[in-house]
Amino acid sequence: MSIEVGAKLQGKVSGITNFGAFIDLGEGKTGLVHISEISNGFVKDIHDVLTVGDEVTVKVTTVGDDGKVGLSIRKAQDQPQPEKKPFKREFRDNNRPKPTAKGKPQNNSGKQDFDSLMSSFLKDSDDRLSSIKRNTEGKRGGRGGRRS
């Protein structure tokens, strides 16, 4: 019997380790199913899914020059795997007004133009900078206490 990549075979679990399960394919051939290839979900303990002597259907994923055979149980299942959608994270600026149904920002004080928004931003920025300068002014220096 020739083992080729992509072939689906029946086998019997002959041994279980913490990293996978050995499958007896018959005629003295043995392959390994890695723990990540046992199930579509996360498998913490292989003993929860497989036991020695279980009959399983496996798909051959790799055949090494040294005779090592890589197998997969989850790829042998005929059920289609769901597509993974990329995760999109939305960043929202809490200081910015939230858009309304029409797409225009809603302000509590009514409609504001760019100049008034800019002047309020500059005023707030100056207040914050002066507060930072006031708090760090006396903390610069090496030895000695605070000088007046």
C-alpha atoms as a PDB file:
ATOM      1  CA  MET A   1       0.000   0.000   0.000  1.00  0.00           C
ATOM      2  CA  SER A   2       1.423   3.359  -1.036  1.00  0.00           C
ATOM      3  CA  ILE A   3       0.704   6.347   1.209  1.00  0.00           C
ATOM      4  CA  GLU A   4       0.277   9.569  -0.755  1.00  0.00           C
ATOM      5  CA  VAL A   5      -0.349  13.120   0.420  1.00  0.00           C
ATOM      6  CA  GLY A   6      -4.057  13.950   0.298  1.00  0.00           C
ATOM      7  CA  ALA A   7      -5.274  10.361   0.684  1.00  0.00           C
ATOM      8  CA  LYS A   8      -7.989   9.566   3.231  1.00  0.00           C
ATOM      9  CA  LEU A   9      -7.331   6.395   5.189  1.00  0.00           C
ATOM     10  CA  GLN A  10      -8.861   4.393   8.028  1.00  0.00           C
ATOM     11  CA  GLY A  11      -6.636   3.774  11.016  1.00  0.00           C
ATOM     12  CA  LYS A  12      -6.592   2.711  14.635  1.00  0.00           C
ATOM     13  CA  VAL A  13      -5.174   4.802  17.502  1.00  0.00           C
ATOM     14  CA  SER A  14      -2.139   2.848  18.728  1.00  0.00           C
ATOM     15  CA  GLY A  15      -0.650   5.352  21.156  1.00  0.00           C
ATOM     16  CA  ILE A  16      -1.282   8.750  22.739  1.00  0.00           C
ATOM     17  CA  THR A  17       1.286  11.306  23.853  1.00  0.00           C
ATOM     18  CA  ASN A  18       0.943  14.864  25.157  1.00  0.00           C
ATOM     19  CA  PHE A  19       1.669  16.275  21.672  1.00  0.00           C
ATOM     20  CA  GLY A  20      -0.418  13.953  19.489  1.00  0.00           C
ATOM     21  CA  ALA A  21      -1.664  10.470  18.715  1.00  0.00           C
ATOM     22  CA  PHE A  22      -0.025   7.663  16.757  1.00  0.00           C
ATOM     23  CA  ILE A  23      -2.285   5.994  14.200  1.00  0.00           C
ATOM     24  CA  ASP A  24      -1.685   2.453  12.901  1.00  0.00           C
ATOM     25  CA  LEU A  25      -2.495   2.523   9.170  1.00  0.00           C
ATOM     26  CA  GLY A  26      -1.940  -1.204   8.615  1.00  0.00           C
ATOM     27  CA  GLU A  27       0.880  -3.103   6.895  1.00  0.00           C
ATOM     28  CA  GLY A  28       3.358  -1.850   9.504  1.00  0.00           C
ATOM     29  CA  LYS A  29       2.769   1.823   8.660  1.00  0.00           C
ATOM     30  CA  THR A  30       2.239   4.360  11.458  1.00  0.00           C
ATOM     31  CA  GLY A  31       1.554   8.086  11.314  1.00  0.00           C
ATOM     32  CA  LEU A  32       1.236  10.920  13.808  1.00  0.00           C
ATOM     33  CA  VAL A  33      -1.738  13.230  14.254  1.00  0.00           C
ATOM     34  CA  HIS A  34      -0.511  16.392  15.980  1.00  0.00           C
ATOM     35  CA  ILE A  35      -2.737  17.722  18.790  1.00  0.00           C
ATOM     36  CA  SER A  36      -3.611  20.768  16.650  1.00  0.00           C
ATOM     37  CA  GLU A  37      -4.941  18.480  13.891  1.00  0.00           C
ATOM     38  CA  ILE A  38      -7.298  16.413  16.060  1.00  0.00           C
ATOM     39  CA  SER A  39     -10.255  18.772  16.216  1.00  0.00           C
ATOM     40  CA  ASN A  40     -11.403  22.157  14.904  1.00  0.00           C
ATOM     41  CA  GLY A  41     -11.675  23.413  18.480  1.00  0.00           C
ATOM     42  CA  PHE A  42      -9.004  23.716  21.158  1.00  0.00           C
ATOM     43  CA  VAL A  43      -7.875  20.382  22.617  1.00  0.00           C
ATOM     44  CA  LYS A  44      -6.256  20.655  26.040  1.00  0.00           C
ATOM     45  CA  ASP A  45      -6.041  16.938  26.753  1.00  0.00           C
ATOM     46  CA  ILE A  46      -6.020  14.381  23.938  1.00  0.00           C
ATOM     47  CA  HIS A  47      -7.530  11.757  26.238  1.00  0.00           C
ATOM     48  CA  ASP A  48     -10.777  13.791  26.225  1.00  0.00           C
ATOM     49  CA  VAL A  49     -11.111  13.205  22.466  1.00  0.00           C
ATOM     50  CA  LEU A  50      -9.299   9.945  21.646  1.00  0.00           C
ATOM     51  CA  THR A  51      -8.529   6.658  23.356  1.00  0.00           C
ATOM     52  CA  VAL A  52      -6.232   3.815  22.319  1.00  0.00           C
ATOM     53  CA  GLY A  53      -8.084   1.464  19.980  1.00  0.00           C
ATOM     54  CA  ASP A  54     -10.413   4.077  18.423  1.00  0.00           C
ATOM     55  CA  GLU A  55     -11.064   3.739  14.684  1.00  0.00           C
ATOM     56  CA  VAL A  56     -10.503   7.083  12.947  1.00  0.00           C
ATOM     57  CA  THR A  57     -10.491   8.480   9.440  1.00  0.00           C
ATOM     58  CA  VAL A  58      -7.353  10.491   8.716  1.00  0.00           C
ATOM     59  CA  LYS A  59      -5.997  12.511   5.825  1.00  0.00           C
ATOM     60  CA  VAL A  60      -2.312  12.284   4.922  1.00  0.00           C
ATOM     61  CA  THR A  61      -0.768  15.766   5.096  1.00  0.00           C
ATOM     62  CA  THR A  62       2.950  14.987   4.778  1.00  0.00           C
ATOM     63  CA  VAL A  63       5.189  12.054   3.941  1.00  0.00           C
ATOM     64  CA  GLY A  64       8.826  12.576   4.874  1.00  0.00           C
ATOM     65  CA  ASP A  65      11.866  11.057   3.172  1.00  0.00           C
ATOM     66  CA  ASP A  66      12.626   9.225   6.409  1.00  0.00           C
ATOM     67  CA  GLY A  67       9.199   7.526   6.363  1.00  0.00           C
ATOM     68  CA  LYS A  68       7.443   9.786   8.850  1.00  0.00           C
ATOM     69  CA  VAL A  69       3.777  10.285   7.996  1.00  0.00           C
ATOM     70  CA  GLY A  70       1.882  13.390   9.112  1.00  0.00           C
ATOM     71  CA  LEU A  71      -1.862  12.945   9.510  1.00  0.00           C
ATOM     72  CA  SER A  72      -4.902  15.104  10.234  1.00  0.00           C
ATOM     73  CA  ILE A  73      -8.293  14.078  11.594  1.00  0.00           C
ATOM     74  CA  ARG A  74      -9.912  17.505  11.223  1.00  0.00           C
ATOM     75  CA  LYS A  75      -8.953  17.823   7.543  1.00  0.00           C
ATOM     76  CA  ALA A  76     -10.434  14.368   6.872  1.00  0.00           C
ATOM     77  CA  GLN A  77     -13.879  15.549   7.969  1.00  0.00           C
ATOM     78  CA  ASP A  78     -16.089  16.526   5.042  1.00  0.00           C
ATOM     79  CA  GLN A  79     -17.757  19.457   6.762  1.00  0.00           C
ATOM     80  CA  PRO A  80     -16.623  22.852   5.425  1.00  0.00           C
ATOM     81  CA  GLN A  81     -14.791  25.058   7.852  1.00  0.00           C
ATOM     82  CA  PRO A  82     -16.237  28.524   8.493  1.00  0.00           C
ATOM     83  CA  GLU A  83     -14.343  31.426   7.002  1.00  0.00           C
ATOM     84  CA  LYS A  84     -12.496  33.570   9.488  1.00  0.00           C
ATOM     85  CA  LYS A  85     -13.340  37.228   9.152  1.00  0.00           C
ATOM     86  CA  PRO A  86     -10.655  39.744  10.042  1.00  0.00           C
ATOM     87  CA  PHE A  87     -11.282  41.509  13.322  1.00  0.00           C
ATOM     88  CA  LYS A  88     -11.950  45.215  12.954  1.00  0.00           C
ATOM     89  CA  ARG A  89     -11.546  47.481  15.923  1.00  0.00           C
ATOM     90  CA  GLU A  90     -13.307  50.809  15.983  1.00  0.00           C
ATOM     91  CA  PHE A  91     -11.558  53.695  17.664  1.00  0.00           C
ATOM     92  CA  ARG A  92     -13.775  56.460  18.915  1.00  0.00           C
ATOM     93  CA  ASP A  93     -12.576  59.791  20.196  1.00  0.00           C
ATOM     94  CA  ASN A  94     -14.619  60.470  23.325  1.00  0.00           C
ATOM     95  CA  ASN A  95     -14.094  64.232  23.002  1.00  0.00           C
ATOM     96  CA  ARG A  96     -15.543  64.347  19.504  1.00  0.00           C
ATOM     97  CA  PRO A  97     -19.316  64.719  19.193  1.00  0.00           C
ATOM     98  CA  LYS A  98     -21.138  61.596  18.014  1.00  0.00           C
ATOM     99  CA  PRO A  99     -22.666  61.705  14.515  1.00  0.00           C
ATOM    100  CA  THR A 100     -26.424  61.784  14.108  1.00  0.00           C
ATOM    101  CA  ALA A 101     -28.489  59.880  11.569  1.00  0.00           C
ATOM    102  CA  LYS A 102     -27.743  62.509   8.927  1.00  0.00           C
ATOM    103  CA  GLY A 103     -23.997  62.174   9.513  1.00  0.00           C
ATOM    104  CA  LYS A 104     -23.516  65.644  10.970  1.00  0.00           C
ATOM    105  CA  PRO A 105     -22.133  66.056  14.492  1.00  0.00           C
ATOM    106  CA  GLN A 106     -24.620  66.900  17.187  1.00  0.00           C
ATOM    107  CA  ASN A 107     -23.547  69.494  19.732  1.00  0.00           C
ATOM    108  CA  ASN A 108     -25.333  70.399  22.933  1.00  0.00           C
ATOM    109  CA  SER A 109     -24.719  74.110  22.359  1.00  0.00           C
ATOM    110  CA  GLY A 110     -26.145  74.062  18.845  1.00  0.00           C
ATOM    111  CA  LYS A 111     -24.193  74.558  15.646  1.00  0.00           C
ATOM    112  CA  GLN A 112     -20.570  75.597  16.151  1.00  0.00           C
ATOM    113  CA  ASP A 113     -18.275  76.724  13.415  1.00  0.00           C
ATOM    114  CA  PHE A 114     -14.628  75.823  12.977  1.00  0.00           C
ATOM    115  CA  ASP A 115     -13.265  79.061  14.492  1.00  0.00           C
ATOM    116  CA  SER A 116     -15.126  78.649  17.769  1.00  0.00           C
ATOM    117  CA  LEU A 117     -14.073  74.988  18.011  1.00  0.00           C
ATOM    118  CA  MET A 118     -10.451  75.943  17.342  1.00  0.00           C
ATOM    119  CA  SER A 119     -10.451  78.733  19.919  1.00  0.00           C
ATOM    120  CA  SER A 120     -11.928  76.444  22.590  1.00  0.00           C
ATOM    121  CA  PHE A 121      -9.300  73.824  21.767  1.00  0.00           C
ATOM    122  CA  LEU A 122      -6.456  76.358  22.041  1.00  0.00           C
ATOM    123  CA  LYS A 123      -7.781  77.655  25.362  1.00  0.00           C
ATOM    124  CA  ASP A 124      -8.041  74.133  26.765  1.00  0.00           C
ATOM    125  CA  SER A 125      -4.568  73.296  25.463  1.00  0.00           C
ATOM    126  CA  ASP A 126      -3.024  76.402  27.063  1.00  0.00           C
ATOM    127  CA  ASP A 127      -4.684  75.581  30.386  1.00  0.00           C
ATOM    128  CA  ARG A 128      -3.284  72.069  30.325  1.00  0.00           C
ATOM    129  CA  LEU A 129       0.232  73.238  29.395  1.00  0.00           C
ATOM    130  CA  SER A 130       0.315  75.846  32.166  1.00  0.00           C
ATOM    131  CA  SER A 131      -0.841  73.224  34.672  1.00  0.00           C
ATOM    132  CA  ILE A 132       1.937  70.856  33.578  1.00  0.00           C
ATOM    133  CA  LYS A 133       4.578  73.613  33.761  1.00  0.00           C
ATOM    134  CA  ARG A 134       3.393  74.636  37.214  1.00  0.00           C
ATOM    135  CA  ASN A 135       3.630  71.066  38.511  1.00  0.00           C
ATOM    136  CA  THR A 136       7.063  70.276  37.035  1.00  0.00           C
ATOM    137  CA  GLU A 137       8.768  73.658  37.534  1.00  0.00           C
ATOM    138  CA  GLY A 138      10.203  72.963  40.991  1.00  0.00           C
ATOM    139  CA  LYS A 139      11.101  69.362  40.273  1.00  0.00           C
ATOM    140  CA  ARG A 140      14.051  70.067  38.012  1.00  0.00           C
ATOM    141  CA  GLY A 141      17.371  70.036  39.661  1.00  0.00           C
ATOM    142  CA  GLY A 142      19.774  67.778  41.377  1.00  0.00           C
ATOM    143  CA  ARG A 143      20.816  68.094  44.973  1.00  0.00           C
ATOM    144  CA  GLY A 144      19.360  70.399  47.484  1.00  0.00           C
ATOM    145  CA  GLY A 145      15.941  71.543  48.288  1.00  0.00           C
ATOM    146  CA  ARG A 146      13.571  73.817  46.481  1.00  0.00           C
ATOM    147  CA  ARG A 147      14.819  77.300  45.748  1.00  0.00           C
ATOM    148  CA  SER A 148      12.515  80.290  45.813  1.00  0.00           C
END
